[in-house]
Amino acid sequence: MSLESVRAFLSEKAPDITVIVTGESSATVELAAAAHGVKPEQIAKTICLRAGDRVMLVVAKGTARLDNRKFKDTFFAKPRMLGPDEVVELTSHPVGGVCPFGLPQPLPVYCDVSLKAFDIVVPAAGATNSAVRIAPQRMAELADAQWIDVCQ
């Protein structure tokens, strides 16, 4: 159902973007880069986090790591990763397929500035074997995301 919610979202908001479904898993950055013929850093990984009582999605380049100090300076709380069941409950996407599109309820979305180094990035599309190719700025616009600097 998650892949379908992403397809429906893109059909309405960005009909020119096609969801790519592969025969193999792209659930990790390395697998996704191999499946889509891009560098690992071009994978736009989406992390579901809690900061205090706020839940959010942070999208960053595939090789980026959260910088706890930058995160705390931005959100005034330590980042806490959500468990797989909670991720599915809040996003409808399985871990490895989480993206900022087709969410069942609005969540704050933040794009890390690390994505701006690329003309095209490849975020998942709601399943562990699906993705889209998109310009980082367009992804941020479609997801109504704010740009932040929280990665190393």
N, C-alpha and C. Protein backbone atom coordinates (compact mmCIF):
# COMPACT_ATOMS: atom_id res chain seq x y z
N MET A 1 0.82 -1.20 0.00
CA MET A 1 0.00 0.00 0.00
C MET A 1 0.86 1.26 0.00
N SER A 2 2.02 1.19 0.62
CA SER A 2 2.89 2.35 0.72
C SER A 2 3.39 2.81 -0.65
N LEU A 3 3.82 1.87 -1.47
CA LEU A 3 4.25 2.19 -2.83
C LEU A 3 3.11 2.87 -3.58
N GLU A 4 1.91 2.39 -3.38
CA GLU A 4 0.75 2.98 -4.06
C GLU A 4 0.47 4.40 -3.56
N SER A 5 0.68 4.66 -2.27
CA SER A 5 0.46 6.02 -1.77
C SER A 5 1.49 6.99 -2.36
N VAL A 6 2.70 6.53 -2.58
CA VAL A 6 3.72 7.37 -3.21
C VAL A 6 3.35 7.61 -4.67
N ARG A 7 2.94 6.56 -5.37
CA ARG A 7 2.52 6.72 -6.77
C ARG A 7 1.36 7.70 -6.88
N ALA A 8 0.38 7.59 -5.98
CA ALA A 8 -0.77 8.49 -6.02
C ALA A 8 -0.34 9.93 -5.75
N PHE A 9 0.54 10.12 -4.78
CA PHE A 9 1.06 11.46 -4.46
C PHE A 9 1.76 12.06 -5.67
N LEU A 10 2.66 11.29 -6.28
CA LEU A 10 3.41 11.81 -7.43
C LEU A 10 2.51 12.01 -8.64
N SER A 11 1.53 11.15 -8.82
CA SER A 11 0.60 11.31 -9.94
C SER A 11 -0.13 12.64 -9.85
N GLU A 12 -0.47 13.05 -8.62
CA GLU A 12 -1.18 14.30 -8.42
C GLU A 12 -0.25 15.51 -8.44
N LYS A 13 0.89 15.42 -7.77
CA LYS A 13 1.76 16.58 -7.57
C LYS A 13 2.89 16.71 -8.59
N ALA A 14 3.33 15.58 -9.16
CA ALA A 14 4.47 15.59 -10.08
C ALA A 14 4.34 14.44 -11.07
N PRO A 15 3.35 14.54 -11.98
CA PRO A 15 3.09 13.42 -12.89
C PRO A 15 4.25 13.08 -13.82
N ASP A 16 5.23 13.96 -13.93
CA ASP A 16 6.38 13.68 -14.79
C ASP A 16 7.41 12.77 -14.11
N ILE A 17 7.26 12.52 -12.83
CA ILE A 17 8.22 11.67 -12.10
C ILE A 17 7.67 10.25 -12.04
N THR A 18 8.50 9.32 -12.47
CA THR A 18 8.13 7.91 -12.51
C THR A 18 8.79 7.15 -11.38
N VAL A 19 8.02 6.32 -10.70
CA VAL A 19 8.57 5.45 -9.67
C VAL A 19 9.27 4.29 -10.37
N ILE A 20 10.51 4.05 -9.97
CA ILE A 20 11.31 2.95 -10.52
C ILE A 20 11.25 1.79 -9.55
N VAL A 21 10.78 0.64 -10.02
CA VAL A 21 10.73 -0.56 -9.19
C VAL A 21 11.76 -1.54 -9.74
N THR A 22 12.64 -2.02 -8.86
CA THR A 22 13.68 -2.95 -9.28
C THR A 22 13.36 -4.35 -8.79
N GLY A 23 13.98 -5.32 -9.43
CA GLY A 23 13.79 -6.71 -9.03
C GLY A 23 14.54 -7.05 -7.75
N GLU A 24 15.57 -6.25 -7.46
CA GLU A 24 16.36 -6.50 -6.26
C GLU A 24 16.08 -5.45 -5.20
N SER A 25 16.45 -5.75 -3.99
CA SER A 25 16.24 -4.82 -2.89
C SER A 25 17.15 -3.60 -3.02
N SER A 26 16.61 -2.47 -2.63
CA SER A 26 17.41 -1.25 -2.54
C SER A 26 17.22 -0.65 -1.14
N ALA A 27 17.13 -1.54 -0.15
CA ALA A 27 16.79 -1.15 1.21
C ALA A 27 17.95 -0.50 1.97
N THR A 28 19.18 -0.64 1.47
CA THR A 28 20.31 0.03 2.09
C THR A 28 20.91 0.99 1.07
N VAL A 29 21.72 1.91 1.55
CA VAL A 29 22.35 2.88 0.66
C VAL A 29 23.18 2.16 -0.41
N GLU A 30 23.95 1.17 0.00
CA GLU A 30 24.82 0.46 -0.96
C GLU A 30 23.98 -0.29 -2.00
N LEU A 31 22.95 -0.99 -1.56
CA LEU A 31 22.09 -1.72 -2.49
C LEU A 31 21.37 -0.76 -3.44
N ALA A 32 20.90 0.36 -2.90
CA ALA A 32 20.18 1.34 -3.73
C ALA A 32 21.11 1.95 -4.77
N ALA A 33 22.33 2.29 -4.37
CA ALA A 33 23.30 2.87 -5.32
C ALA A 33 23.59 1.89 -6.44
N ALA A 34 23.78 0.61 -6.11
CA ALA A 34 24.04 -0.40 -7.13
C ALA A 34 22.83 -0.59 -8.04
N ALA A 35 21.65 -0.65 -7.45
CA ALA A 35 20.43 -0.88 -8.23
C ALA A 35 20.12 0.26 -9.19
N HIS A 36 20.51 1.49 -8.82
CA HIS A 36 20.15 2.66 -9.64
C HIS A 36 21.34 3.29 -10.35
N GLY A 37 22.51 2.66 -10.24
CA GLY A 37 23.67 3.12 -10.98
C GLY A 37 24.15 4.51 -10.60
N VAL A 38 24.09 4.83 -9.32
CA VAL A 38 24.56 6.12 -8.83
C VAL A 38 25.57 5.90 -7.70
N LYS A 39 26.23 6.98 -7.30
CA LYS A 39 27.15 6.92 -6.16
C LYS A 39 26.33 6.81 -4.88
N PRO A 40 26.86 6.14 -3.84
CA PRO A 40 26.11 6.02 -2.59
C PRO A 40 25.67 7.36 -2.02
N GLU A 41 26.49 8.40 -2.18
CA GLU A 41 26.11 9.70 -1.62
C GLU A 41 24.90 10.31 -2.33
N GLN A 42 24.58 9.85 -3.55
CA GLN A 42 23.41 10.37 -4.27
C GLN A 42 22.09 9.76 -3.80
N ILE A 43 22.17 8.73 -2.99
CA ILE A 43 20.95 8.17 -2.42
C ILE A 43 20.47 9.15 -1.36
N ALA A 44 19.21 9.53 -1.44
CA ALA A 44 18.62 10.46 -0.47
C ALA A 44 17.94 9.62 0.60
N LYS A 45 18.68 9.32 1.66
CA LYS A 45 18.11 8.47 2.72
C LYS A 45 17.22 9.31 3.63
N THR A 46 16.10 8.72 3.99
CA THR A 46 15.12 9.40 4.85
C THR A 46 15.12 8.69 6.19
N ILE A 47 15.37 9.48 7.23
CA ILE A 47 15.45 8.95 8.59
C ILE A 47 14.27 9.50 9.39
N CYS A 48 13.59 8.62 10.09
CA CYS A 48 12.46 9.02 10.93
C CYS A 48 12.98 9.16 12.36
N LEU A 49 12.89 10.39 12.87
CA LEU A 49 13.48 10.72 14.17
C LEU A 49 12.47 11.35 15.11
N ARG A 50 12.82 11.26 16.38
CA ARG A 50 12.08 11.96 17.42
C ARG A 50 13.05 12.93 18.08
N ALA A 51 12.59 14.17 18.27
CA ALA A 51 13.35 15.18 19.00
C ALA A 51 12.42 15.69 20.09
N GLY A 52 12.63 15.24 21.30
CA GLY A 52 11.68 15.55 22.37
C GLY A 52 10.36 14.87 22.04
N ASP A 53 9.28 15.65 21.95
CA ASP A 53 7.98 15.06 21.62
C ASP A 53 7.62 15.25 20.15
N ARG A 54 8.56 15.74 19.35
CA ARG A 54 8.32 15.95 17.92
C ARG A 54 8.88 14.80 17.09
N VAL A 55 8.10 14.35 16.12
CA VAL A 55 8.55 13.34 15.17
C VAL A 55 8.76 14.04 13.85
N MET A 56 9.82 13.64 13.14
CA MET A 56 10.15 14.31 11.88
C MET A 56 10.88 13.36 10.96
N LEU A 57 10.93 13.75 9.68
CA LEU A 57 11.74 13.05 8.70
C LEU A 57 12.91 13.96 8.34
N VAL A 58 14.10 13.39 8.31
CA VAL A 58 15.28 14.10 7.85
C VAL A 58 15.82 13.34 6.65
N VAL A 59 15.97 14.06 5.54
CA VAL A 59 16.49 13.46 4.31
C VAL A 59 17.90 14.00 4.12
N ALA A 60 18.86 13.09 3.91
CA ALA A 60 20.26 13.48 3.76
C ALA A 60 20.93 12.61 2.70
N LYS A 61 22.10 13.02 2.27
CA LYS A 61 22.83 12.19 1.30
C LYS A 61 23.15 10.85 1.95
N GLY A 62 23.25 9.84 1.11
CA GLY A 62 23.37 8.47 1.59
C GLY A 62 24.52 8.19 2.51
N THR A 63 25.64 8.89 2.33
CA THR A 63 26.82 8.63 3.16
C THR A 63 26.92 9.56 4.36
N ALA A 64 25.96 10.44 4.53
CA ALA A 64 26.01 11.41 5.64
C ALA A 64 25.65 10.73 6.96
N ARG A 65 26.22 11.27 8.01
CA ARG A 65 25.88 10.83 9.36
C ARG A 65 25.35 12.04 10.12
N LEU A 66 24.34 11.80 10.94
CA LEU A 66 23.83 12.89 11.77
C LEU A 66 24.93 13.39 12.70
N ASP A 67 25.00 14.67 12.86
CA ASP A 67 25.89 15.30 13.82
C ASP A 67 25.03 15.67 15.01
N ASN A 68 25.22 14.97 16.13
CA ASN A 68 24.36 15.17 17.30
C ASN A 68 24.38 16.61 17.79
N ARG A 69 25.54 17.26 17.76
CA ARG A 69 25.64 18.65 18.23
C ARG A 69 24.84 19.57 17.32
N LYS A 70 25.01 19.43 16.00
CA LYS A 70 24.25 20.28 15.07
C LYS A 70 22.76 20.04 15.22
N PHE A 71 22.38 18.78 15.38
CA PHE A 71 20.96 18.45 15.53
C PHE A 71 20.41 19.10 16.79
N LYS A 72 21.12 18.95 17.89
CA LYS A 72 20.65 19.51 19.16
C LYS A 72 20.60 21.03 19.09
N ASP A 73 21.57 21.65 18.41
CA ASP A 73 21.55 23.10 18.26
C ASP A 73 20.36 23.57 17.41
N THR A 74 19.93 22.73 16.49
CA THR A 74 18.81 23.08 15.61
C THR A 74 17.46 22.81 16.27
N PHE A 75 17.33 21.66 16.92
CA PHE A 75 16.03 21.23 17.44
C PHE A 75 15.93 21.24 18.97
N PHE A 76 17.01 21.59 19.66
CA PHE A 76 17.03 21.69 21.11
C PHE A 76 16.67 20.38 21.80
N ALA A 77 17.03 19.28 21.15
CA ALA A 77 16.80 17.95 21.71
C ALA A 77 17.73 16.97 20.99
N LYS A 78 18.00 15.86 21.66
CA LYS A 78 18.83 14.82 21.04
C LYS A 78 17.97 14.03 20.04
N PRO A 79 18.56 13.62 18.92
CA PRO A 79 17.81 12.80 17.98
C PRO A 79 17.66 11.36 18.48
N ARG A 80 16.49 10.83 18.33
CA ARG A 80 16.22 9.43 18.68
C ARG A 80 15.59 8.76 17.47
N MET A 81 16.21 7.68 17.03
CA MET A 81 15.67 6.92 15.90
C MET A 81 14.40 6.19 16.36
N LEU A 82 13.41 6.16 15.49
CA LEU A 82 12.19 5.41 15.78
C LEU A 82 12.40 3.95 15.40
N GLY A 83 11.70 3.07 16.09
CA GLY A 83 11.77 1.65 15.77
C GLY A 83 10.99 1.35 14.50
N PRO A 84 11.27 0.21 13.87
CA PRO A 84 10.63 -0.14 12.59
C PRO A 84 9.10 -0.11 12.63
N ASP A 85 8.49 -0.61 13.70
CA ASP A 85 7.03 -0.63 13.78
C ASP A 85 6.46 0.79 13.84
N GLU A 86 7.12 1.64 14.60
CA GLU A 86 6.67 3.03 14.72
C GLU A 86 6.84 3.78 13.39
N VAL A 87 7.93 3.47 12.68
CA VAL A 87 8.17 4.09 11.38
C VAL A 87 7.03 3.74 10.42
N VAL A 88 6.67 2.46 10.36
CA VAL A 88 5.58 2.03 9.47
C VAL A 88 4.26 2.68 9.90
N GLU A 89 4.01 2.72 11.19
CA GLU A 89 2.77 3.31 11.70
C GLU A 89 2.65 4.79 11.30
N LEU A 90 3.74 5.53 11.39
CA LEU A 90 3.70 6.98 11.13
C LEU A 90 3.83 7.34 9.65
N THR A 91 4.56 6.53 8.88
CA THR A 91 4.82 6.90 7.49
C THR A 91 4.10 6.01 6.48
N SER A 92 3.70 4.84 6.88
CA SER A 92 3.16 3.76 6.05
C SER A 92 4.24 3.10 5.20
N HIS A 93 5.49 3.57 5.32
CA HIS A 93 6.60 3.01 4.55
C HIS A 93 7.46 2.11 5.44
N PRO A 94 7.93 0.98 4.90
CA PRO A 94 8.83 0.13 5.67
C PRO A 94 10.22 0.74 5.73
N VAL A 95 10.96 0.41 6.77
CA VAL A 95 12.36 0.84 6.85
C VAL A 95 13.06 0.32 5.59
N GLY A 96 13.82 1.18 4.94
CA GLY A 96 14.45 0.84 3.66
C GLY A 96 13.65 1.35 2.48
N GLY A 97 12.42 1.80 2.74
CA GLY A 97 11.57 2.35 1.70
C GLY A 97 10.98 3.70 2.09
N VAL A 98 11.44 4.23 3.23
CA VAL A 98 10.88 5.48 3.75
C VAL A 98 11.28 6.65 2.85
N CYS A 99 10.30 7.50 2.57
CA CYS A 99 10.52 8.70 1.76
C CYS A 99 9.56 9.78 2.25
N PRO A 100 9.77 11.01 1.82
CA PRO A 100 8.89 12.09 2.29
C PRO A 100 7.61 12.26 1.49
N PHE A 101 7.27 11.28 0.65
CA PHE A 101 6.09 11.37 -0.21
C PHE A 101 5.04 10.35 0.20
N GLY A 102 3.77 10.69 -0.03
CA GLY A 102 2.68 9.74 0.18
C GLY A 102 2.46 9.35 1.63
N LEU A 103 2.69 10.27 2.53
CA LEU A 103 2.52 9.99 3.96
C LEU A 103 1.04 10.02 4.33
N PRO A 104 0.61 9.16 5.26
CA PRO A 104 -0.81 9.14 5.64
C PRO A 104 -1.23 10.39 6.43
N GLN A 105 -0.27 11.03 7.07
CA GLN A 105 -0.53 12.26 7.82
C GLN A 105 0.69 13.16 7.64
N PRO A 106 0.50 14.45 7.70
CA PRO A 106 1.64 15.35 7.54
C PRO A 106 2.67 15.18 8.66
N LEU A 107 3.92 15.15 8.28
CA LEU A 107 5.03 15.14 9.22
C LEU A 107 5.99 16.24 8.79
N PRO A 108 6.66 16.89 9.73
CA PRO A 108 7.67 17.86 9.32
C PRO A 108 8.79 17.13 8.57
N VAL A 109 9.21 17.70 7.45
CA VAL A 109 10.28 17.12 6.65
C VAL A 109 11.40 18.15 6.55
N TYR A 110 12.62 17.67 6.77
CA TYR A 110 13.80 18.52 6.69
C TYR A 110 14.78 17.88 5.73
N CYS A 111 15.34 18.67 4.83
CA CYS A 111 16.37 18.19 3.92
C CYS A 111 17.70 18.77 4.35
N ASP A 112 18.67 17.89 4.54
CA ASP A 112 20.00 18.35 4.92
C ASP A 112 20.70 18.96 3.71
N VAL A 113 21.47 20.01 3.96
CA VAL A 113 22.17 20.72 2.88
C VAL A 113 23.13 19.81 2.14
N SER A 114 23.47 18.65 2.68
CA SER A 114 24.36 17.70 1.99
C SER A 114 23.80 17.28 0.64
N LEU A 115 22.49 17.35 0.47
CA LEU A 115 21.85 16.96 -0.79
C LEU A 115 22.10 17.96 -1.91
N LYS A 116 22.41 19.20 -1.55
CA LYS A 116 22.56 20.26 -2.55
C LYS A 116 23.79 20.08 -3.43
N ALA A 117 24.66 19.14 -3.10
CA ALA A 117 25.86 18.89 -3.90
C ALA A 117 25.54 18.17 -5.21
N PHE A 118 24.30 17.71 -5.38
CA PHE A 118 23.95 16.87 -6.52
C PHE A 118 22.84 17.48 -7.37
N ASP A 119 22.90 17.23 -8.67
CA ASP A 119 21.83 17.65 -9.57
C ASP A 119 20.63 16.72 -9.41
N ILE A 120 20.91 15.43 -9.20
CA ILE A 120 19.87 14.41 -9.07
C ILE A 120 20.19 13.55 -7.86
N VAL A 121 19.17 13.26 -7.06
CA VAL A 121 19.29 12.33 -5.95
C VAL A 121 18.24 11.23 -6.14
N VAL A 122 18.41 10.15 -5.39
CA VAL A 122 17.53 9.00 -5.54
C VAL A 122 16.97 8.59 -4.18
N PRO A 123 15.81 9.13 -3.80
CA PRO A 123 15.16 8.67 -2.58
C PRO A 123 14.33 7.42 -2.85
N ALA A 124 14.07 6.67 -1.79
CA ALA A 124 13.16 5.52 -1.90
C ALA A 124 11.77 6.04 -2.27
N ALA A 125 10.88 5.10 -2.57
CA ALA A 125 9.53 5.50 -2.97
C ALA A 125 8.47 4.62 -2.32
N GLY A 126 8.65 4.34 -1.03
CA GLY A 126 7.61 3.65 -0.29
C GLY A 126 7.74 2.14 -0.20
N ALA A 127 8.74 1.56 -0.86
CA ALA A 127 8.98 0.13 -0.78
C ALA A 127 10.49 -0.10 -0.79
N THR A 128 10.92 -1.27 -0.38
CA THR A 128 12.35 -1.55 -0.29
C THR A 128 12.98 -1.86 -1.64
N ASN A 129 12.20 -1.78 -2.70
CA ASN A 129 12.76 -1.96 -4.05
C ASN A 129 12.24 -0.89 -5.01
N SER A 130 11.95 0.30 -4.48
CA SER A 130 11.44 1.37 -5.34
C SER A 130 12.15 2.68 -5.02
N ALA A 131 12.21 3.54 -6.03
CA ALA A 131 12.87 4.84 -5.86
C ALA A 131 12.41 5.77 -6.96
N VAL A 132 12.83 7.03 -6.85
CA VAL A 132 12.63 8.01 -7.91
C VAL A 132 13.94 8.76 -8.11
N ARG A 133 14.09 9.33 -9.29
CA ARG A 133 15.22 10.23 -9.58
C ARG A 133 14.63 11.63 -9.59
N ILE A 134 15.25 12.53 -8.80
CA ILE A 134 14.67 13.85 -8.64
C ILE A 134 15.76 14.85 -8.24
N ALA A 135 15.58 16.09 -8.65
CA ALA A 135 16.49 17.16 -8.21
C ALA A 135 16.21 17.43 -6.73
N PRO A 136 17.25 17.65 -5.93
CA PRO A 136 17.04 17.88 -4.49
C PRO A 136 16.08 19.03 -4.20
N GLN A 137 16.18 20.12 -4.94
CA GLN A 137 15.31 21.26 -4.68
C GLN A 137 13.84 20.90 -4.95
N ARG A 138 13.62 20.13 -6.00
CA ARG A 138 12.24 19.73 -6.32
C ARG A 138 11.71 18.77 -5.25
N MET A 139 12.55 17.87 -4.79
CA MET A 139 12.13 16.96 -3.72
C MET A 139 11.72 17.76 -2.49
N ALA A 140 12.53 18.75 -2.13
CA ALA A 140 12.21 19.57 -0.97
C ALA A 140 10.90 20.33 -1.17
N GLU A 141 10.69 20.84 -2.36
CA GLU A 141 9.44 21.57 -2.64
C GLU A 141 8.24 20.65 -2.55
N LEU A 142 8.32 19.46 -3.15
CA LEU A 142 7.20 18.52 -3.12
C LEU A 142 6.88 18.06 -1.70
N ALA A 143 7.92 17.91 -0.89
CA ALA A 143 7.74 17.44 0.49
C ALA A 143 7.48 18.58 1.46
N ASP A 144 7.45 19.81 0.95
CA ASP A 144 7.27 20.99 1.80
C ASP A 144 8.32 21.00 2.91
N ALA A 145 9.55 20.68 2.52
CA ALA A 145 10.65 20.53 3.47
C ALA A 145 11.39 21.84 3.70
N GLN A 146 11.98 21.94 4.86
CA GLN A 146 12.89 23.04 5.18
C GLN A 146 14.32 22.52 5.04
N TRP A 147 15.21 23.38 4.59
CA TRP A 147 16.63 23.02 4.49
C TRP A 147 17.29 23.27 5.84
N ILE A 148 18.10 22.31 6.29
CA ILE A 148 18.84 22.42 7.55
C ILE A 148 20.24 21.86 7.35
N ASP A 149 21.11 22.08 8.34
CA ASP A 149 22.47 21.54 8.32
C ASP A 149 22.66 20.77 9.60
N VAL A 150 22.41 19.45 9.55
CA VAL A 150 22.52 18.62 10.76
C VAL A 150 23.39 17.37 10.57
N CYS A 151 24.12 17.32 9.47
CA CYS A 151 24.98 16.15 9.23
C CYS A 151 26.46 16.53 9.26
N GLN A 152 27.28 15.51 9.49
CA GLN A 152 28.73 15.71 9.49
C GLN A 152 29.24 15.89 8.07
